[in-house]
Amino acid sequence: MSEFLLKPRLRFGQDALAVLTELPASNVLLVTDKMMVKFGLADRVTQILRQRGLAFQTWDDVVADPDIATVVRGMKLMDSCYPDLVIALGGGSVIDAAKAVIFALAQTRPDLSRERPCFVAIPTTSGTGSEVTSFSVVKAHAEKLVLVDPSLLPDIAILDPSLVASVPPAITADTGMDVLCHALEAYVSRAASDFSDALAEKAVQQVFRYLPTCWRNGHDLLAREKMHNASCMAGMAFTNASLGITHSLAHALGGVFRVPHGRANALLMAQVVAWNADYQGQCDTQAAHKYARLAHLLDLPAHTLREGVTSLLVAIQALKDEMNMPTGIVDTDVVAVDFDLRLAEMVNQALRDNCTATNPRTPDAQALTELYRHAWSGSAALDC
């Protein structure tokens, strides 16, 4: 018997933030970061809380790639003023930090008879899908640890496109490619189902249609709404189907060299698609069949399996090129000597990553090393 989780409750569309006026609460903890405060997005939430006369505290020192020390700080704050409503406002790092704090506090203080607070996630990037997933990524030294537990799921997710209108083009590109990677990996995962497939297919279609528009004109609220929804749908797909080795490799690359997560996925994605399809071999894997179906859904040439996979690979590269994204890891700040020195370490991390288990092909260290090498140079995925 299989399972498909349907949580959280979704509120979406323009003015979706207004749902905060309806939620019962007396003591609120707002989890966010300095950028949300600087650009006034946190004020949009606190203004609602003030109008309702609610007591609240703001924890705004969450940083990108939250580490264990960040989680411990959040636990101490939450323990000292235990709220009945937690609101996480920000990108994946903020939402993941809030998840980890709520989860860790429940695990370390089971003696306290306190109800879990209502947990509301409000994403301000269209990328991680963290608002609807049972995943949280926390950094420990140079390694990203992936926590997976149903209790990490928020209760309510608010998808308001006005909150992402000001996201800069480079971050729009990084986070948008993260959405595409989530959908692609969930679609070919060993744990995929009819339900996750339907969500992944729709997410892929909306990324290719609306991401370039968001990159060119961030204030196109229709395109922003469609990408925000695509991010959420891809998140719903992968929280049920899990992911694959693009994420395993990206987690290690980001943990060691601090390459932004979405960009790391974009640098590795096409090479992994080619490898999963066995593009240099028979190109007749189950993953190849599904990639070819995606090409067909995107109205790309797909008369044969190989043609369909080729079309998808070309489309991924064209999308990256249109948004002026780096071709290879060599085009980032990663130094070649350092990359070579830490390559084996990253490969070992990727082999241990939870996402590796559900990749459609089972990799070994040699395969992952070769994928990193291809991604370093940015060699065409058609040659992988």
Protein backbone atom coordinates (compact mmCIF):
# COMPACT_ATOMS: atom_id res chain seq x y z
CA MET A 1 0.00 0.00 0.00
CA SER A 2 1.25 3.49 -0.88
CA GLU A 3 0.45 6.88 0.58
CA PHE A 4 0.05 10.42 -0.74
CA LEU A 5 0.04 13.22 1.84
CA LEU A 6 -2.39 16.09 1.29
CA LYS A 7 -1.23 18.86 3.57
CA PRO A 8 -1.12 21.80 4.16
CA ARG A 9 -4.20 23.89 3.47
CA LEU A 10 -3.40 26.29 0.61
CA ARG A 11 -4.42 29.91 0.20
CA PHE A 12 -3.25 31.34 -3.09
CA GLY A 13 -3.64 34.29 -5.42
CA GLN A 14 -3.38 38.02 -4.94
CA ASP A 15 -4.23 39.20 -1.40
CA ALA A 16 -3.85 35.64 -0.07
CA LEU A 17 -1.99 37.17 2.88
CA ALA A 18 -5.36 38.32 4.20
CA VAL A 19 -5.92 34.83 5.62
CA LEU A 20 -3.80 35.96 8.59
CA THR A 21 -6.74 38.07 9.72
CA GLU A 22 -8.79 34.89 10.22
CA LEU A 23 -6.44 32.63 12.17
CA PRO A 24 -7.06 32.15 15.90
CA ALA A 25 -3.99 33.16 17.91
CA SER A 26 -2.89 35.01 21.01
CA ASN A 27 0.91 34.70 20.91
CA VAL A 28 2.79 34.70 17.59
CA LEU A 29 6.39 34.03 16.58
CA LEU A 30 7.38 35.47 13.21
CA VAL A 31 10.41 33.72 11.70
CA THR A 32 12.10 35.69 8.92
CA ASP A 33 15.41 37.24 7.87
CA LYS A 34 17.02 40.67 7.65
CA MET A 35 16.17 41.08 3.96
CA MET A 36 12.45 40.60 4.59
CA VAL A 37 12.66 43.30 7.26
CA LYS A 38 14.76 45.62 5.08
CA PHE A 39 12.39 45.46 2.11
CA GLY A 40 9.22 45.81 4.17
CA LEU A 41 7.73 42.38 3.58
CA ALA A 42 7.90 41.55 7.29
CA ASP A 43 5.99 44.77 7.99
CA ARG A 44 3.08 43.48 5.91
CA VAL A 45 2.72 40.61 8.36
CA THR A 46 3.38 42.53 11.57
CA GLN A 47 0.90 45.22 10.52
CA ILE A 48 -1.85 42.59 10.42
CA LEU A 49 -0.78 41.24 13.82
CA ARG A 50 -0.80 44.75 15.33
CA GLN A 51 -4.23 45.52 13.89
CA ARG A 52 -5.51 42.36 15.57
CA GLY A 53 -3.87 43.33 18.86
CA LEU A 54 -1.83 40.13 19.02
CA ALA A 55 1.34 39.70 21.05
CA PHE A 56 4.22 38.71 18.80
CA GLN A 57 7.97 38.37 18.63
CA THR A 58 10.13 38.52 15.51
CA TRP A 59 13.13 36.23 15.00
CA ASP A 60 14.86 37.81 12.01
CA ASP A 61 18.43 36.52 12.08
CA VAL A 62 17.91 33.37 10.00
CA VAL A 63 20.67 33.15 7.40
CA ALA A 64 20.98 31.31 4.10
CA ASP A 65 21.69 27.60 4.58
CA PRO A 66 20.72 27.57 8.29
CA ASP A 67 23.06 25.55 10.47
CA ILE A 68 22.62 23.74 13.76
CA ALA A 69 23.59 26.85 15.75
CA THR A 70 20.78 28.77 14.04
CA VAL A 71 18.29 26.05 14.96
CA VAL A 72 19.45 26.07 18.58
CA ARG A 73 18.98 29.86 18.78
CA GLY A 74 15.47 29.48 17.45
CA MET A 75 14.69 26.69 19.91
CA LYS A 76 15.74 28.86 22.86
CA LEU A 77 13.61 31.76 21.69
CA MET A 78 10.56 29.62 20.98
CA ASP A 79 10.92 27.77 24.29
CA SER A 80 11.02 31.04 26.24
CA CYS A 81 7.78 32.41 24.78
CA TYR A 82 6.01 29.36 23.46
CA PRO A 83 3.64 30.60 20.72
CA ASP A 84 0.36 29.20 19.51
CA LEU A 85 1.09 30.45 15.99
CA VAL A 86 4.41 30.33 14.11
CA ILE A 87 4.66 32.25 10.83
CA ALA A 88 7.66 31.62 8.58
CA LEU A 89 8.09 34.40 6.02
CA GLY A 90 10.93 34.04 3.54
CA GLY A 91 12.69 31.69 1.18
CA GLY A 92 13.48 28.04 1.71
CA SER A 93 16.12 28.74 4.35
CA VAL A 94 13.66 30.60 6.59
CA ILE A 95 10.91 28.01 6.23
CA ASP A 96 13.37 25.14 6.73
CA ALA A 97 14.74 26.80 9.88
CA ALA A 98 11.25 27.19 11.33
CA LYS A 99 10.48 23.56 10.54
CA ALA A 100 13.68 22.36 12.19
CA VAL A 101 13.06 24.47 15.32
CA ILE A 102 9.50 23.19 15.80
CA PHE A 103 10.58 19.61 15.14
CA ALA A 104 13.70 19.68 17.34
CA LEU A 105 11.93 21.33 20.26
CA ALA A 106 9.25 18.63 20.20
CA GLN A 107 11.94 15.92 20.14
CA THR A 108 14.11 17.36 22.91
CA ARG A 109 11.31 18.49 25.24
CA PRO A 110 8.78 15.63 25.08
CA ASP A 111 8.10 16.00 28.79
CA LEU A 112 6.25 19.28 28.25
CA SER A 113 2.53 18.93 27.58
CA ARG A 114 2.34 21.68 24.98
CA GLU A 115 0.37 21.54 21.79
CA ARG A 116 2.27 22.00 18.56
CA PRO A 117 1.69 25.58 17.39
CA CYS A 118 -0.21 26.24 14.21
CA PHE A 119 2.51 26.61 11.57
CA VAL A 120 2.01 28.95 8.61
CA ALA A 121 4.56 29.11 5.79
CA ILE A 122 4.67 32.13 3.47
CA PRO A 123 7.26 31.69 0.70
CA THR A 124 8.85 34.82 -0.78
CA THR A 125 10.63 32.97 -3.57
CA SER A 126 9.19 30.58 -6.14
CA GLY A 127 11.69 27.79 -5.71
CA THR A 128 12.02 25.39 -2.83
CA GLY A 129 8.38 24.40 -2.33
CA SER A 130 9.30 24.11 1.35
CA GLU A 131 5.85 25.39 2.30
CA VAL A 132 4.33 22.03 1.32
CA THR A 133 7.11 19.54 2.00
CA SER A 134 8.11 17.28 4.85
CA PHE A 135 11.78 18.10 4.17
CA SER A 136 14.12 20.49 5.96
CA VAL A 137 17.77 21.05 5.06
CA VAL A 138 20.17 22.02 7.86
CA LYS A 139 23.90 22.54 7.46
CA ALA A 140 26.36 20.74 9.74
CA HIS A 141 29.91 21.92 9.06
CA ALA A 142 30.43 21.40 5.30
CA GLU A 143 27.55 18.96 4.85
CA LYS A 144 23.85 19.56 4.33
CA LEU A 145 21.64 17.23 6.36
CA VAL A 146 18.19 16.47 4.98
CA LEU A 147 15.54 15.97 7.66
CA VAL A 148 12.45 14.10 6.48
CA ASP A 149 9.40 13.70 8.69
CA PRO A 150 5.64 14.26 8.16
CA SER A 151 5.56 16.49 11.25
CA LEU A 152 7.67 19.05 9.34
CA LEU A 153 4.72 19.89 7.10
CA PRO A 154 3.20 23.32 7.76
CA ASP A 155 -0.51 23.55 8.51
CA ILE A 156 -1.20 26.42 6.13
CA ALA A 157 0.70 27.71 3.10
CA ILE A 158 0.05 31.21 1.77
CA LEU A 159 0.98 31.78 -1.88
CA ASP A 160 0.74 35.51 -2.59
CA PRO A 161 2.41 36.54 -5.88
CA SER A 162 2.87 40.13 -4.70
CA LEU A 163 5.48 38.84 -2.23
CA VAL A 164 7.75 37.64 -5.05
CA ALA A 165 7.35 40.55 -7.47
CA SER A 166 10.56 42.23 -6.32
CA VAL A 167 12.80 39.14 -6.47
CA PRO A 168 15.84 40.06 -8.63
CA PRO A 169 16.31 38.32 -12.01
CA ALA A 170 19.33 36.23 -10.95
CA ILE A 171 17.49 34.82 -7.91
CA THR A 172 14.37 34.33 -10.03
CA ALA A 173 16.47 32.20 -12.39
CA ASP A 174 18.11 30.17 -9.61
CA THR A 175 14.87 29.47 -7.77
CA GLY A 176 12.94 28.81 -10.96
CA MET A 177 15.42 26.16 -12.06
CA ASP A 178 15.06 24.63 -8.60
CA VAL A 179 11.34 24.25 -9.31
CA LEU A 180 12.11 22.52 -12.60
CA CYS A 181 14.57 20.20 -10.92
CA HIS A 182 12.07 19.26 -8.20
CA ALA A 183 9.47 18.39 -10.82
CA LEU A 184 11.88 16.43 -13.05
CA GLU A 185 13.32 14.41 -10.19
CA ALA A 186 9.96 13.63 -8.58
CA TYR A 187 8.66 12.57 -12.01
CA VAL A 188 11.28 9.86 -12.54
CA SER A 189 11.73 8.91 -8.88
CA ARG A 190 11.44 5.28 -7.83
CA ALA A 191 8.63 6.41 -5.52
CA ALA A 192 6.64 8.32 -8.18
CA SER A 193 2.89 7.73 -8.46
CA ASP A 194 0.03 8.85 -10.68
CA PHE A 195 -0.63 11.65 -8.21
CA SER A 196 2.92 12.99 -8.06
CA ASP A 197 3.27 12.60 -11.84
CA ALA A 198 0.24 14.82 -12.48
CA LEU A 199 1.65 17.58 -10.29
CA ALA A 200 5.14 17.26 -11.75
CA GLU A 201 3.89 17.44 -15.35
CA LYS A 202 1.90 20.60 -14.70
CA ALA A 203 4.82 22.20 -12.85
CA VAL A 204 7.22 21.50 -15.75
CA GLN A 205 4.80 23.00 -18.26
CA GLN A 206 4.35 26.16 -16.19
CA VAL A 207 8.09 26.62 -15.62
CA PHE A 208 8.89 26.58 -19.32
CA ARG A 209 5.97 28.89 -20.08
CA TYR A 210 6.26 31.45 -17.30
CA LEU A 211 9.81 31.46 -15.87
CA PRO A 212 11.34 33.50 -18.73
CA THR A 213 8.60 36.11 -18.31
CA CYS A 214 9.27 36.34 -14.58
CA TRP A 215 12.97 36.76 -15.30
CA ARG A 216 12.37 39.54 -17.84
CA ASN A 217 9.57 41.33 -15.97
CA GLY A 218 9.24 40.47 -12.30
CA HIS A 219 6.17 42.65 -11.88
CA ASP A 220 4.07 40.53 -14.24
CA LEU A 221 1.84 39.19 -11.47
CA LEU A 222 0.15 36.58 -13.65
CA ALA A 223 3.51 35.00 -14.50
CA ARG A 224 4.62 35.32 -10.88
CA GLU A 225 1.43 33.61 -9.70
CA LYS A 226 1.87 30.75 -12.17
CA MET A 227 5.51 30.22 -11.10
CA HIS A 228 4.54 30.41 -7.42
CA ASN A 229 1.91 27.74 -8.05
CA ALA A 230 4.41 25.65 -10.04
CA SER A 231 6.84 25.77 -7.13
CA CYS A 232 4.12 24.58 -4.79
CA MET A 233 2.99 21.78 -7.11
CA ALA A 234 6.57 20.57 -7.58
CA GLY A 235 6.96 20.63 -3.81
CA MET A 236 3.83 18.53 -3.36
CA ALA A 237 5.18 16.08 -5.93
CA PHE A 238 8.59 15.63 -4.36
CA THR A 239 7.47 15.51 -0.75
CA ASN A 240 5.56 12.39 -1.77
CA ALA A 241 7.92 10.95 -4.40
CA SER A 242 11.26 12.26 -3.08
CA LEU A 243 14.09 13.38 -5.37
CA GLY A 244 17.26 12.09 -7.03
CA ILE A 245 20.97 12.57 -7.48
CA THR A 246 20.80 16.08 -8.91
CA HIS A 247 19.83 17.12 -5.41
CA SER A 248 22.34 14.80 -3.79
CA LEU A 249 25.14 16.33 -5.85
CA ALA A 250 23.81 19.86 -5.37
CA HIS A 251 23.53 19.46 -1.59
CA ALA A 252 27.20 18.48 -1.44
CA LEU A 253 28.33 21.21 -3.84
CA GLY A 254 26.40 23.83 -1.89
CA GLY A 255 27.56 22.54 1.48
CA VAL A 256 31.24 22.57 0.53
CA PHE A 257 31.41 25.65 -1.73
CA ARG A 258 28.26 27.63 -0.80
CA VAL A 259 26.92 27.58 -4.35
CA PRO A 260 23.25 28.69 -4.11
CA HIS A 261 21.04 25.62 -4.13
CA GLY A 262 18.96 26.43 -7.20
CA ARG A 263 22.05 27.36 -9.19
CA ALA A 264 23.77 24.14 -8.16
CA ASN A 265 20.76 22.17 -9.40
CA ALA A 266 20.81 24.09 -12.68
CA LEU A 267 24.50 23.28 -13.17
CA LEU A 268 23.93 19.54 -12.66
CA MET A 269 20.39 18.90 -13.90
CA ALA A 270 20.87 18.22 -17.61
CA GLN A 271 23.86 15.93 -17.03
CA VAL A 272 21.80 13.85 -14.61
CA VAL A 273 18.84 13.71 -17.01
CA ALA A 274 21.16 12.36 -19.71
CA TRP A 275 22.67 9.80 -17.33
CA ASN A 276 19.29 8.64 -16.02
CA ALA A 277 18.11 8.20 -19.61
CA ASP A 278 21.29 6.26 -20.51
CA TYR A 279 21.65 8.71 -23.37
CA GLN A 280 25.03 7.37 -24.49
CA GLY A 281 23.71 3.81 -24.36
CA GLN A 282 20.36 2.40 -25.47
CA CYS A 283 18.37 5.41 -24.19
CA ASP A 284 15.56 3.02 -23.28
CA THR A 285 15.30 3.37 -19.50
CA GLN A 286 12.03 4.03 -17.70
CA ALA A 287 13.30 7.53 -17.03
CA ALA A 288 13.93 8.04 -20.77
CA HIS A 289 10.31 7.15 -21.48
CA LYS A 290 9.10 9.71 -18.96
CA TYR A 291 11.46 12.43 -20.18
CA ALA A 292 10.19 11.85 -23.70
CA ARG A 293 6.61 12.22 -22.47
CA LEU A 294 7.52 15.58 -20.96
CA ALA A 295 8.97 16.66 -24.30
CA HIS A 296 5.68 15.70 -25.94
CA LEU A 297 3.71 17.68 -23.34
CA LEU A 298 5.93 20.68 -24.06
CA ASP A 299 5.18 20.35 -27.80
CA LEU A 300 8.81 19.48 -28.55
CA PRO A 301 9.90 16.91 -31.15
CA ALA A 302 9.52 13.46 -29.58
CA HIS A 303 8.82 10.93 -32.32
CA THR A 304 11.31 8.52 -30.74
CA LEU A 305 12.62 8.15 -27.20
CA ARG A 306 16.02 9.51 -28.12
CA GLU A 307 14.51 12.47 -29.95
CA GLY A 308 12.28 13.23 -26.94
CA VAL A 309 15.16 13.11 -24.48
CA THR A 310 17.29 15.20 -26.82
CA SER A 311 14.53 17.80 -27.11
CA LEU A 312 14.19 18.04 -23.33
CA LEU A 313 17.95 18.42 -22.85
CA VAL A 314 18.11 21.14 -25.50
CA ALA A 315 15.14 22.93 -23.90
CA ILE A 316 16.78 22.90 -20.46
CA GLN A 317 19.96 24.39 -21.88
CA ALA A 318 18.02 27.00 -23.86
CA LEU A 319 16.16 28.04 -20.71
CA LYS A 320 19.44 28.50 -18.84
CA ASP A 321 20.97 30.43 -21.75
CA GLU A 322 17.95 32.73 -22.00
CA MET A 323 18.44 33.73 -18.36
CA ASN A 324 22.23 34.16 -18.67
CA MET A 325 22.95 31.39 -16.17
CA PRO A 326 26.47 29.94 -15.83
CA THR A 327 27.20 27.03 -18.13
CA GLY A 328 29.46 25.08 -15.78
CA ILE A 329 30.76 25.11 -12.21
CA VAL A 330 33.93 26.60 -13.72
CA ASP A 331 31.90 29.77 -14.36
CA THR A 332 31.16 30.23 -10.64
CA ASP A 333 33.47 31.32 -7.82
CA VAL A 334 34.62 27.75 -7.17
CA VAL A 335 38.39 27.44 -7.66
CA ALA A 336 39.57 24.51 -9.82
CA VAL A 337 42.24 23.32 -7.37
CA ASP A 338 39.79 23.36 -4.46
CA PHE A 339 37.18 21.53 -6.53
CA ASP A 340 39.65 18.74 -7.32
CA LEU A 341 40.81 18.51 -3.70
CA ARG A 342 37.29 18.13 -2.35
CA LEU A 343 35.74 16.13 -5.17
CA ALA A 344 35.93 12.79 -3.36
CA GLU A 345 34.43 14.36 -0.24
CA MET A 346 31.47 15.68 -2.23
CA VAL A 347 30.96 12.33 -3.95
CA ASN A 348 30.85 10.55 -0.59
CA GLN A 349 28.35 13.07 0.74
CA ALA A 350 26.16 12.59 -2.32
CA LEU A 351 26.25 8.80 -1.94
CA ARG A 352 24.98 9.19 1.65
CA ASP A 353 22.28 11.71 0.75
CA ASN A 354 18.69 10.56 1.31
CA CYS A 355 17.75 11.63 -2.22
CA THR A 356 20.10 9.11 -3.83
CA ALA A 357 17.95 6.14 -2.80
CA THR A 358 15.04 7.19 -5.02
CA ASN A 359 17.03 8.08 -8.14
CA PRO A 360 15.85 5.92 -11.07
CA ARG A 361 19.40 4.61 -11.71
CA THR A 362 21.64 3.53 -8.88
CA PRO A 363 24.95 5.42 -9.04
CA ASP A 364 28.36 4.47 -7.72
CA ALA A 365 31.24 6.76 -6.81
CA GLN A 366 32.66 6.64 -10.33
CA ALA A 367 29.36 7.70 -11.92
CA LEU A 368 28.95 10.65 -9.52
CA THR A 369 32.56 11.69 -10.06
CA GLU A 370 32.02 11.75 -13.82
CA LEU A 371 28.83 13.77 -13.42
CA TYR A 372 30.69 16.35 -11.32
CA ARG A 373 33.44 16.49 -13.96
CA HIS A 374 30.92 17.10 -16.74
CA ALA A 375 29.16 19.74 -14.65
CA TRP A 376 32.49 21.43 -13.90
CA SER A 377 33.28 22.07 -17.54
CA GLY A 378 29.67 22.60 -18.54
CA SER A 379 30.08 20.03 -21.31
CA ALA A 380 26.87 19.50 -23.27
CA ALA A 381 24.55 17.00 -21.63
CA LEU A 382 24.20 15.32 -25.03
CA ASP A 383 27.80 14.19 -24.59
CA CYS A 384 27.26 12.71 -21.11
